[in-house]
PDB file of N, CA and C in Angstrom:
ATOM      1  N   MET A   1     -15.410  21.616   5.373  1.00  0.00           N
ATOM      2  CA  MET A   1     -14.189  21.258   4.848  1.00  0.00           C
ATOM      3  C   MET A   1     -13.374  20.542   6.060  1.00  0.00           C
ATOM      4  N   GLY A   2     -13.656  20.715   7.259  1.00  0.00           N
ATOM      5  CA  GLY A   2     -12.821  20.079   8.369  1.00  0.00           C
ATOM      6  C   GLY A   2     -13.134  18.462   8.456  1.00  0.00           C
ATOM      7  N   ILE A   3     -14.346  18.180   8.328  1.00  0.00           N
ATOM      8  CA  ILE A   3     -14.597  16.784   8.178  1.00  0.00           C
ATOM      9  C   ILE A   3     -14.049  15.959   6.924  1.00  0.00           C
ATOM     10  N   LEU A   4     -13.979  16.664   5.924  1.00  0.00           N
ATOM     11  CA  LEU A   4     -13.455  16.229   4.653  1.00  0.00           C
ATOM     12  C   LEU A   4     -11.994  15.942   4.793  1.00  0.00           C
ATOM     13  N   LEU A   5     -11.305  16.965   5.372  1.00  0.00           N
ATOM     14  CA  LEU A   5      -9.873  16.845   5.592  1.00  0.00           C
ATOM     15  C   LEU A   5      -9.462  15.874   6.594  1.00  0.00           C
ATOM     16  N   ILE A   6     -10.251  15.622   7.677  1.00  0.00           N
ATOM     17  CA  ILE A   6      -9.980  14.647   8.592  1.00  0.00           C
ATOM     18  C   ILE A   6     -10.206  13.194   8.030  1.00  0.00           C
ATOM     19  N   THR A   7     -11.226  13.057   7.085  1.00  0.00           N
ATOM     20  CA  THR A   7     -11.426  11.724   6.436  1.00  0.00           C
ATOM     21  C   THR A   7     -10.210  11.439   5.477  1.00  0.00           C
ATOM     22  N   CYS A   8      -9.724  12.540   4.790  1.00  0.00           N
ATOM     23  CA  CYS A   8      -8.734  12.221   3.952  1.00  0.00           C
ATOM     24  C   CYS A   8      -7.493  11.835   4.659  1.00  0.00           C
ATOM     25  N   LYS A   9      -7.171  12.510   5.760  1.00  0.00           N
ATOM     26  CA  LYS A   9      -5.940  12.214   6.501  1.00  0.00           C
ATOM     27  C   LYS A   9      -5.981  10.838   7.161  1.00  0.00           C
ATOM     28  N   VAL A  10      -7.328  10.274   7.623  1.00  0.00           N
ATOM     29  CA  VAL A  10      -7.496   8.944   8.000  1.00  0.00           C
ATOM     30  C   VAL A  10      -7.310   7.939   6.912  1.00  0.00           C
ATOM     31  N   LEU A  11      -7.794   8.269   5.732  1.00  0.00           N
ATOM     32  CA  LEU A  11      -7.649   7.389   4.498  1.00  0.00           C
ATOM     33  C   LEU A  11      -6.163   7.321   4.261  1.00  0.00           C
ATOM     34  N   LEU A  12      -5.465   8.488   4.389  1.00  0.00           N
ATOM     35  CA  LEU A  12      -4.027   8.466   4.091  1.00  0.00           C
ATOM     36  C   LEU A  12      -3.309   7.474   5.075  1.00  0.00           C
ATOM     37  N   VAL A  13      -3.459   7.531   6.244  1.00  0.00           N
ATOM     38  CA  VAL A  13      -2.789   6.851   7.258  1.00  0.00           C
ATOM     39  C   VAL A  13      -3.084   5.331   7.089  1.00  0.00           C
ATOM     40  N   ILE A  14      -4.348   4.967   6.964  1.00  0.00           N
ATOM     41  CA  ILE A  14      -4.759   3.571   6.614  1.00  0.00           C
ATOM     42  C   ILE A  14      -4.189   2.985   5.338  1.00  0.00           C
ATOM     43  N   SER A  15      -4.234   3.840   4.289  1.00  0.00           N
ATOM     44  CA  SER A  15      -3.596   3.302   3.022  1.00  0.00           C
ATOM     45  C   SER A  15      -2.175   3.237   3.179  1.00  0.00           C
ATOM     46  N   SER A  16      -1.487   4.113   3.897  1.00  0.00           N
ATOM     47  CA  SER A  16      -0.100   4.009   4.012  1.00  0.00           C
ATOM     48  C   SER A  16       0.285   2.739   4.674  1.00  0.00           C
ATOM     49  N   ILE A  17      -0.431   2.290   5.687  1.00  0.00           N
ATOM     50  CA  ILE A  17       0.028   0.974   6.522  1.00  0.00           C
ATOM     51  C   ILE A  17      -0.128   0.014   5.667  1.00  0.00           C
ATOM     52  N   PHE A  18      -1.368  -0.202   4.964  1.00  0.00           N
ATOM     53  CA  PHE A  18      -1.590  -1.270   4.179  1.00  0.00           C
ATOM     54  C   PHE A  18      -0.637  -1.487   2.989  1.00  0.00           C
ATOM     55  N   LEU A  19      -0.347  -0.223   2.401  1.00  0.00           N
ATOM     56  CA  LEU A  19       0.599  -0.299   1.316  1.00  0.00           C
ATOM     57  C   LEU A  19       1.977  -0.828   1.671  1.00  0.00           C
ATOM     58  N   ILE A  20       2.440  -0.477   2.843  1.00  0.00           N
ATOM     59  CA  ILE A  20       3.700  -0.930   3.325  1.00  0.00           C
ATOM     60  C   ILE A  20       3.655  -2.366   3.569  1.00  0.00           C
ATOM     61  N   LEU A  21       2.545  -2.883   4.148  1.00  0.00           N
ATOM     62  CA  LEU A  21       2.395  -4.219   4.329  1.00  0.00           C
ATOM     63  C   LEU A  21       2.289  -5.074   2.973  1.00  0.00           C
ATOM     64  N   THR A  22       1.646  -4.576   2.082  1.00  0.00           N
ATOM     65  CA  THR A  22       1.504  -5.301   0.837  1.00  0.00           C
ATOM     66  C   THR A  22       2.878  -5.201  -0.010  1.00  0.00           C
ATOM     67  N   ILE A  23       3.621  -4.234   0.127  1.00  0.00           N
ATOM     68  CA  ILE A  23       4.868  -4.141  -0.636  1.00  0.00           C
ATOM     69  C   ILE A  23       5.902  -5.298   0.058  1.00  0.00           C
ATOM     70  N   LEU A  24       5.758  -5.316   1.390  1.00  0.00           N
ATOM     71  CA  LEU A  24       6.659  -6.159   2.166  1.00  0.00           C
ATOM     72  C   LEU A  24       6.226  -7.703   1.910  1.00  0.00           C
ATOM     73  N   MET A  25       5.024  -8.073   1.479  1.00  0.00           N
ATOM     74  CA  MET A  25       4.720  -9.308   1.210  1.00  0.00           C
ATOM     75  C   MET A  25       4.996  -9.872  -0.113  1.00  0.00           C
ATOM     76  N   HIS A  26       5.457  -8.897  -1.095  1.00  0.00           N
ATOM     77  CA  HIS A  26       5.830  -9.403  -2.392  1.00  0.00           C
ATOM     78  C   HIS A  26       7.139 -10.327  -2.295  1.00  0.00           C
ATOM     79  N   LYS A  27       7.104 -11.126  -3.356  1.00  0.00           N
ATOM     80  CA  LYS A  27       8.154 -12.136  -3.385  1.00  0.00           C
ATOM     81  C   LYS A  27       9.455 -11.341  -3.734  1.00  0.00           C
ATOM     82  N   GLY A  28      10.386 -11.662  -2.969  1.00  0.00           N
ATOM     83  CA  GLY A  28      11.780 -10.869  -3.171  1.00  0.00           C
ATOM     84  C   GLY A  28      12.712 -11.488  -4.461  1.00  0.00           C
ATOM     85  N   ASN A  29      13.211 -10.749  -5.184  1.00  0.00           N
ATOM     86  CA  ASN A  29      14.051 -11.200  -6.145  1.00  0.00           C
ATOM     87  C   ASN A  29      15.481 -11.290  -5.701  1.00  0.00           C
ATOM     88  N   GLY A  30      15.902 -10.664  -4.729  1.00  0.00           N
ATOM     89  CA  GLY A  30      17.247 -10.641  -4.109  1.00  0.00           C
ATOM     90  C   GLY A  30      17.189 -10.802  -2.646  1.00  0.00           C
ATOM     91  N   GLY A  31      18.142 -10.318  -2.033  1.00  0.00           N
ATOM     92  CA  GLY A  31      18.196 -10.457  -0.528  1.00  0.00           C
ATOM     93  C   GLY A  31      17.516  -9.202   0.157  1.00  0.00           C
ATOM     94  N   GLY A  32      16.266  -8.938  -0.257  1.00  0.00           N
ATOM     95  CA  GLY A  32      15.627  -7.699   0.276  1.00  0.00           C
ATOM     96  C   GLY A  32      15.041  -7.887   1.662  1.00  0.00           C
ATOM     97  N   LEU A  33      14.067  -6.937   1.999  1.00  0.00           N
ATOM     98  CA  LEU A  33      13.300  -7.140   3.286  1.00  0.00           C
ATOM     99  C   LEU A  33      12.340  -8.263   3.219  1.00  0.00           C
ATOM    100  N   SER A  34      11.786  -8.627   2.164  1.00  0.00           N
ATOM    101  CA  SER A  34      10.820  -9.725   2.125  1.00  0.00           C
ATOM    102  C   SER A  34      11.602 -11.085   2.403  1.00  0.00           C
ATOM    103  N   ASP A  35      12.739 -11.198   1.979  1.00  0.00           N
ATOM    104  CA  ASP A  35      13.537 -12.473   2.304  1.00  0.00           C
ATOM    105  C   ASP A  35      14.062 -12.431   3.764  1.00  0.00           C
ATOM    106  N   MET A  36      14.474 -11.329   4.288  1.00  0.00           N
ATOM    107  CA  MET A  36      15.045 -11.210   5.478  1.00  0.00           C
ATOM    108  C   MET A  36      13.906 -11.393   6.605  1.00  0.00           C
ATOM    109  N   PHE A  37      12.716 -10.977   6.470  1.00  0.00           N
ATOM    110  CA  PHE A  37      11.623 -11.171   7.487  1.00  0.00           C
ATOM    111  C   PHE A  37      10.581 -12.214   6.839  1.00  0.00           C
ATOM    112  N   GLY A  38      10.696 -13.377   7.462  1.00  0.00           N
ATOM    113  CA  GLY A  38       9.758 -14.447   7.049  1.00  0.00           C
ATOM    114  C   GLY A  38       9.790 -14.940   5.634  1.00  0.00           C
ATOM    115  N   GLY A  39      11.081 -15.170   5.131  1.00  0.00           N
ATOM    116  CA  GLY A  39      11.234 -15.452   3.741  1.00  0.00           C
ATOM    117  C   GLY A  39      10.719 -16.927   3.367  1.00  0.00           C
ATOM    118  N   GLY A  40      10.690 -17.824   4.369  1.00  0.00           N
ATOM    119  CA  GLY A  40      10.158 -19.040   4.193  1.00  0.00           C
ATOM    120  C   GLY A  40       8.560 -18.979   3.928  1.00  0.00           C
ATOM    121  N   ILE A  41       7.938 -18.330   4.740  1.00  0.00           N
ATOM    122  CA  ILE A  41       6.492 -18.138   4.682  1.00  0.00           C
ATOM    123  C   ILE A  41       6.089 -17.429   3.490  1.00  0.00           C
ATOM    124  N   SER A  42       6.670 -16.296   3.088  1.00  0.00           N
ATOM    125  CA  SER A  42       6.251 -15.606   1.897  1.00  0.00           C
ATOM    126  C   SER A  42       6.617 -16.295   0.546  1.00  0.00           C
ATOM    127  N   SER A  43       7.790 -17.183   0.593  1.00  0.00           N
ATOM    128  CA  SER A  43       8.044 -17.790  -0.700  1.00  0.00           C
ATOM    129  C   SER A  43       7.105 -18.881  -1.003  1.00  0.00           C
ATOM    130  N   SER A  44       6.387 -19.469  -0.029  1.00  0.00           N
ATOM    131  CA  SER A  44       5.400 -20.524  -0.389  1.00  0.00           C
ATOM    132  C   SER A  44       4.083 -19.965  -0.776  1.00  0.00           C
ATOM    133  N   VAL A  45       3.802 -18.662  -0.104  1.00  0.00           N
ATOM    134  CA  VAL A  45       2.654 -18.089  -0.562  1.00  0.00           C
ATOM    135  C   VAL A  45       2.728 -17.433  -1.955  1.00  0.00           C
ATOM    136  N   ALA A  46       3.883 -16.724  -2.103  1.00  0.00           N
ATOM    137  CA  ALA A  46       4.021 -15.831  -3.254  1.00  0.00           C
ATOM    138  C   ALA A  46       4.464 -16.694  -4.418  1.00  0.00           C
ATOM    139  N   SER A  47       4.734 -17.925  -4.346  1.00  0.00           N
ATOM    140  CA  SER A  47       5.139 -18.700  -5.593  1.00  0.00           C
ATOM    141  C   SER A  47       4.108 -18.973  -6.406  1.00  0.00           C
ATOM    142  N   SER A  48       2.787 -18.947  -6.058  1.00  0.00           N
ATOM    143  CA  SER A  48       1.709 -19.049  -6.876  1.00  0.00           C
ATOM    144  C   SER A  48       1.470 -17.798  -7.750  1.00  0.00           C
ATOM    145  N   GLY A  49       1.204 -18.115  -8.986  1.00  0.00           N
ATOM    146  CA  GLY A  49       1.029 -16.914 -10.052  1.00  0.00           C
ATOM    147  C   GLY A  49      -0.147 -16.163  -9.746  1.00  0.00           C
ATOM    148  N   VAL A  50      -1.308 -16.798  -9.375  1.00  0.00           N
ATOM    149  CA  VAL A  50      -2.532 -15.995  -9.022  1.00  0.00           C
ATOM    150  C   VAL A  50      -2.410 -15.261  -7.749  1.00  0.00           C
ATOM    151  N   ALA A  51      -1.794 -15.742  -6.744  1.00  0.00           N
ATOM    152  CA  ALA A  51      -1.607 -14.921  -5.612  1.00  0.00           C
ATOM    153  C   ALA A  51      -0.740 -13.615  -5.768  1.00  0.00           C
ATOM    154  N   GLU A  52       0.315 -13.904  -6.592  1.00  0.00           N
ATOM    155  CA  GLU A  52       1.225 -12.755  -6.860  1.00  0.00           C
ATOM    156  C   GLU A  52       0.428 -11.708  -7.736  1.00  0.00           C
ATOM    157  N   ARG A  53      -0.303 -12.028  -8.703  1.00  0.00           N
ATOM    158  CA  ARG A  53      -1.140 -11.161  -9.497  1.00  0.00           C
ATOM    159  C   ARG A  53      -2.192 -10.456  -8.594  1.00  0.00           C
ATOM    160  N   ASN A  54      -2.815 -11.238  -7.858  1.00  0.00           N
ATOM    161  CA  ASN A  54      -3.793 -10.593  -6.868  1.00  0.00           C
ATOM    162  C   ASN A  54      -3.144  -9.496  -5.926  1.00  0.00           C
ATOM    163  N   LEU A  55      -1.839  -9.721  -5.495  1.00  0.00           N
ATOM    164  CA  LEU A  55      -1.161  -8.986  -4.575  1.00  0.00           C
ATOM    165  C   LEU A  55      -0.708  -7.840  -5.400  1.00  0.00           C
ATOM    166  N   ASN A  56      -0.262  -7.958  -6.515  1.00  0.00           N
ATOM    167  CA  ASN A  56       0.127  -6.783  -7.436  1.00  0.00           C
ATOM    168  C   ASN A  56      -1.081  -5.811  -7.645  1.00  0.00           C
ATOM    169  N   ARG A  57      -2.237  -6.367  -7.983  1.00  0.00           N
ATOM    170  CA  ARG A  57      -3.448  -5.591  -8.115  1.00  0.00           C
ATOM    171  C   ARG A  57      -3.788  -4.795  -6.852  1.00  0.00           C
ATOM    172  N   LEU A  58      -3.836  -5.527  -5.649  1.00  0.00           N
ATOM    173  CA  LEU A  58      -3.957  -4.764  -4.520  1.00  0.00           C
ATOM    174  C   LEU A  58      -2.971  -3.749  -4.146  1.00  0.00           C
ATOM    175  N   THR A  59      -1.757  -3.886  -4.485  1.00  0.00           N
ATOM    176  CA  THR A  59      -0.758  -2.933  -4.140  1.00  0.00           C
ATOM    177  C   THR A  59      -0.942  -1.774  -5.087  1.00  0.00           C
ATOM    178  N   ILE A  60      -1.273  -2.064  -6.391  1.00  0.00           N
ATOM    179  CA  ILE A  60      -1.601  -0.867  -7.333  1.00  0.00           C
ATOM    180  C   ILE A  60      -2.852   0.037  -6.849  1.00  0.00           C
ATOM    181  N   GLY A  61      -3.921  -0.763  -6.463  1.00  0.00           N
ATOM    182  CA  GLY A  61      -5.063  -0.021  -6.027  1.00  0.00           C
ATOM    183  C   GLY A  61      -4.740   0.745  -4.608  1.00  0.00           C
ATOM    184  N   LEU A  62      -3.944   0.150  -3.811  1.00  0.00           N
ATOM    185  CA  LEU A  62      -3.715   1.058  -2.475  1.00  0.00           C
ATOM    186  C   LEU A  62      -2.925   2.045  -2.820  1.00  0.00           C
ATOM    187  N   ALA A  63      -1.919   1.998  -3.840  1.00  0.00           N
ATOM    188  CA  ALA A  63      -1.115   3.210  -4.281  1.00  0.00           C
ATOM    189  C   ALA A  63      -1.880   4.332  -4.897  1.00  0.00           C
ATOM    190  N   LEU A  64      -2.936   3.905  -5.602  1.00  0.00           N
ATOM    191  CA  LEU A  64      -3.839   4.890  -6.270  1.00  0.00           C
ATOM    192  C   LEU A  64      -4.682   5.626  -5.076  1.00  0.00           C
ATOM    193  N   ILE A  65      -5.184   4.940  -4.139  1.00  0.00           N
ATOM    194  CA  ILE A  65      -5.849   5.505  -3.048  1.00  0.00           C
ATOM    195  C   ILE A  65      -5.032   6.411  -2.340  1.00  0.00           C
ATOM    196  N   TRP A  66      -3.676   6.032  -2.066  1.00  0.00           N
ATOM    197  CA  TRP A  66      -2.717   6.886  -1.313  1.00  0.00           C
ATOM    198  C   TRP A  66      -2.494   7.997  -2.076  1.00  0.00           C
ATOM    199  N   THR A  67      -2.313   8.009  -3.514  1.00  0.00           N
ATOM    200  CA  THR A  67      -1.914   9.036  -4.183  1.00  0.00           C
ATOM    201  C   THR A  67      -3.145  10.163  -4.290  1.00  0.00           C
ATOM    202  N   LEU A  68      -4.338   9.590  -4.507  1.00  0.00           N
ATOM    203  CA  LEU A  68      -5.536  10.472  -4.509  1.00  0.00           C
ATOM    204  C   LEU A  68      -5.769  11.304  -3.283  1.00  0.00           C
ATOM    205  N   SER A  69      -5.509  10.454  -2.150  1.00  0.00           N
ATOM    206  CA  SER A  69      -5.871  11.074  -0.803  1.00  0.00           C
ATOM    207  C   SER A  69      -4.756  12.249  -0.554  1.00  0.00           C
ATOM    208  N   ILE A  70      -3.563  12.059  -1.062  1.00  0.00           N
ATOM    209  CA  ILE A  70      -2.557  13.189  -0.947  1.00  0.00           C
ATOM    210  C   ILE A  70      -2.966  14.353  -1.725  1.00  0.00           C
ATOM    211  N   ILE A  71      -3.435  14.041  -2.956  1.00  0.00           N
ATOM    212  CA  ILE A  71      -3.801  15.196  -3.989  1.00  0.00           C
ATOM    213  C   ILE A  71      -4.960  15.797  -3.248  1.00  0.00           C
ATOM    214  N   ALA A  72      -5.937  15.105  -2.679  1.00  0.00           N
ATOM    215  CA  ALA A  72      -7.165  15.755  -2.073  1.00  0.00           C
ATOM    216  C   ALA A  72      -6.806  16.575  -0.830  1.00  0.00           C
ATOM    217  N   ILE A  73      -5.908  16.152   0.033  1.00  0.00           N
ATOM    218  CA  ILE A  73      -5.439  16.934   1.094  1.00  0.00           C
ATOM    219  C   ILE A  73      -4.762  18.193   0.648  1.00  0.00           C
ATOM    220  N   GLY A  74      -3.935  18.057  -0.387  1.00  0.00           N
ATOM    221  CA  GLY A  74      -3.155  19.284  -0.939  1.00  0.00           C
ATOM    222  C   GLY A  74      -4.188  20.290  -1.500  1.00  0.00           C
ATOM    223  N   LEU A  75      -5.238  19.843  -2.120  1.00  0.00           N
ATOM    224  CA  LEU A  75      -6.280  20.719  -2.696  1.00  0.00           C
ATOM    225  C   LEU A  75      -7.120  21.349  -1.551  1.00  0.00           C
ATOM    226  N   ILE A  76      -7.424  20.600  -0.617  1.00  0.00           N
ATOM    227  CA  ILE A  76      -8.195  21.120   0.474  1.00  0.00           C
ATOM    228  C   ILE A  76      -7.513  22.172   1.160  1.00  0.00           C
ATOM    229  N   VAL A  77      -6.143  21.935   1.516  1.00  0.00           N
ATOM    230  CA  VAL A  77      -5.394  22.828   2.263  1.00  0.00           C
ATOM    231  C   VAL A  77      -5.164  24.135   1.400  1.00  0.00           C
ATOM    232  N   LYS A  78      -5.065  24.007   0.097  1.00  0.00           N
ATOM    233  CA  LYS A  78      -4.683  25.186  -0.687  1.00  0.00           C
ATOM    234  C   LYS A  78      -5.937  26.050  -0.876  1.00  0.00           C
ATOM    235  N   PHE A  79      -7.187  25.594  -0.963  1.00  0.00           N
ATOM    236  CA  PHE A  79      -8.245  26.242  -1.199  1.00  0.00           C
ATOM    237  C   PHE A  79      -9.086  26.636  -0.013  1.00  0.00           C
ATOM    238  N   SER A  80      -8.652  26.374   1.255  1.00  0.00           N
ATOM    239  CA  SER A  80      -9.374  26.606   2.357  1.00  0.00           C
ATOM    240  C   SER A  80      -8.709  27.849   3.180  1.00  0.00           C
TER     241      SER A  80
END
């Protein structure tokens, strides 16, 4: 169980970092963080419909991995 718990924790940290990065790369609708940090770069990249859809899919996938790793850690801690 120790190796499985460590693996889930590492997966949680990695998915957390990438989830934060993908959320910040989204095109901002207002004056949010994505406009404040590098608004010119992200507006040219995120203006494409295909790039925005792929970024949405990646963000949803990372959110699922993040959620499943939290549930796995909770179950491992509860039953060990």
